[in-house]
Amino acid sequence: MKSLYFPSKIKVAVMLISGIFTIQKDNDKTVLGGSDGKLLECLAEKLNFEFEILTSSVGGSRYSNGVIGLVQKGEADMGLSVLSFSEERLEVVDFSNSYMALEKIL
């Protein structure tokens, strides 16, 4: 079976949101928290890659410096943190299958 290539280091754009993606420094070690933080750690371990975190305050669009814009412009390889699908976003980035669903109650 042929192995697929995966880079040894990637840049990941994220929004820091309590419970979803958090970063803490413990001495010289960076500790990720939240569901997406733990997901990134798991992916890095299983696919054997290192990552650099690029933070943004918004998910944004292709025209922003938000998570979507950073990925679309090639400044980040991947984006995480409660990103909703939209037609505009689907024109410029690929989404994975959903791994979490939030229920909205009116």
Protein backbone atom coordinates (compact mmCIF):
# COMPACT_ATOMS: atom_id res chain seq x y z
CA MET A 1 0.00 0.00 0.00
CA LYS A 2 1.34 3.41 -0.98
CA SER A 3 1.77 6.02 1.76
CA LEU A 4 0.26 9.44 1.19
CA TYR A 5 2.53 12.45 1.58
CA PHE A 6 1.84 14.77 4.48
CA PRO A 7 4.11 17.73 5.32
CA SER A 8 6.26 17.63 8.45
CA LYS A 9 5.13 21.10 9.55
CA ILE A 10 1.94 23.04 8.85
CA LYS A 11 0.49 26.43 9.76
CA VAL A 12 -2.92 26.31 11.42
CA ALA A 13 -5.21 29.37 11.62
CA VAL A 14 -7.51 29.35 14.65
CA MET A 15 -9.89 31.48 16.66
CA LEU A 16 -9.29 31.28 20.40
CA ILE A 17 -12.64 30.33 21.94
CA SER A 18 -13.04 28.92 25.45
CA GLY A 19 -13.94 25.22 25.28
CA ILE A 20 -13.17 25.06 21.54
CA PHE A 21 -9.52 26.14 21.13
CA THR A 22 -7.29 27.47 23.89
CA ILE A 23 -3.54 27.91 24.27
CA GLN A 24 -1.67 27.96 27.56
CA LYS A 25 2.03 28.11 28.31
CA ASP A 26 3.29 25.67 30.95
CA ASN A 27 6.97 26.52 31.50
CA ASP A 28 8.41 26.16 27.98
CA LYS A 29 5.64 23.88 26.74
CA THR A 30 2.53 24.97 24.83
CA VAL A 31 -0.62 23.19 25.97
CA LEU A 32 -3.67 23.18 23.71
CA GLY A 33 -7.14 22.86 25.18
CA GLY A 34 -10.72 22.66 23.98
CA SER A 35 -12.21 20.22 21.49
CA ASP A 36 -10.38 21.60 18.44
CA GLY A 37 -7.11 21.94 20.35
CA LYS A 38 -7.24 18.28 21.33
CA LEU A 39 -8.24 17.35 17.75
CA LEU A 40 -5.16 19.16 16.39
CA GLU A 41 -2.90 17.42 18.91
CA CYS A 42 -4.37 14.04 17.95
CA LEU A 43 -3.95 14.71 14.20
CA ALA A 44 -0.36 15.88 14.73
CA GLU A 45 0.50 12.76 16.69
CA LYS A 46 -1.14 10.30 14.26
CA LEU A 47 0.09 12.03 11.08
CA ASN A 48 3.47 12.89 12.60
CA PHE A 49 3.63 16.63 11.95
CA GLU A 50 4.50 19.78 13.86
CA PHE A 51 2.35 22.89 13.68
CA GLU A 52 2.54 26.64 14.05
CA ILE A 53 -0.57 28.43 15.34
CA LEU A 54 -1.79 31.63 13.68
CA THR A 55 -4.55 33.29 15.71
CA SER A 56 -7.41 35.37 14.39
CA SER A 57 -10.33 37.05 16.11
CA VAL A 58 -12.81 36.07 13.37
CA GLY A 59 -13.62 33.22 10.98
CA GLY A 60 -13.95 35.81 8.25
CA SER A 61 -14.21 35.54 4.51
CA ARG A 62 -11.77 35.29 1.65
CA TYR A 63 -11.17 39.04 1.82
CA SER A 64 -10.27 39.17 5.51
CA ASN A 65 -7.36 38.22 7.71
CA GLY A 66 -9.69 35.80 9.47
CA VAL A 67 -9.24 32.04 9.49
CA ILE A 68 -10.79 31.62 6.01
CA GLY A 69 -8.76 34.46 4.49
CA LEU A 70 -5.49 33.13 5.93
CA VAL A 71 -6.14 29.69 4.39
CA GLN A 72 -7.34 31.13 1.06
CA LYS A 73 -4.24 33.37 0.74
CA GLY A 74 -1.93 30.43 1.53
CA GLU A 75 -0.68 31.96 4.78
CA ALA A 76 -2.15 28.97 6.68
CA ASP A 77 -2.48 25.36 5.56
CA MET A 78 -5.52 24.59 7.67
CA GLY A 79 -8.16 26.40 9.71
CA LEU A 80 -9.96 25.31 12.90
CA SER A 81 -12.53 26.72 15.33
CA VAL A 82 -16.29 26.63 14.80
CA LEU A 83 -16.27 27.53 11.11
CA SER A 84 -19.67 27.40 9.50
CA PHE A 85 -20.19 26.46 5.87
CA SER A 86 -21.29 29.23 3.51
CA GLU A 87 -21.48 29.52 -0.26
CA GLU A 88 -18.83 32.25 -0.27
CA ARG A 89 -16.45 30.19 1.87
CA LEU A 90 -16.98 27.06 -0.23
CA GLU A 91 -15.77 29.00 -3.28
CA VAL A 92 -12.29 29.44 -1.79
CA VAL A 93 -11.59 26.64 0.73
CA ASP A 94 -12.36 22.96 1.15
CA PHE A 95 -14.15 21.84 4.30
CA SER A 96 -13.72 18.49 6.01
CA ASN A 97 -16.71 16.44 6.98
CA SER A 98 -18.44 17.88 10.02
CA TYR A 99 -17.08 16.57 13.29
CA MET A 100 -19.26 18.66 15.60
CA ALA A 101 -22.78 20.09 15.45
CA LEU A 102 -24.13 22.99 17.47
CA GLU A 103 -27.87 23.19 17.97
CA LYS A 104 -29.46 26.59 17.65
CA ILE A 105 -32.66 27.06 19.62
CA LEU A 106 -34.89 30.06 18.99
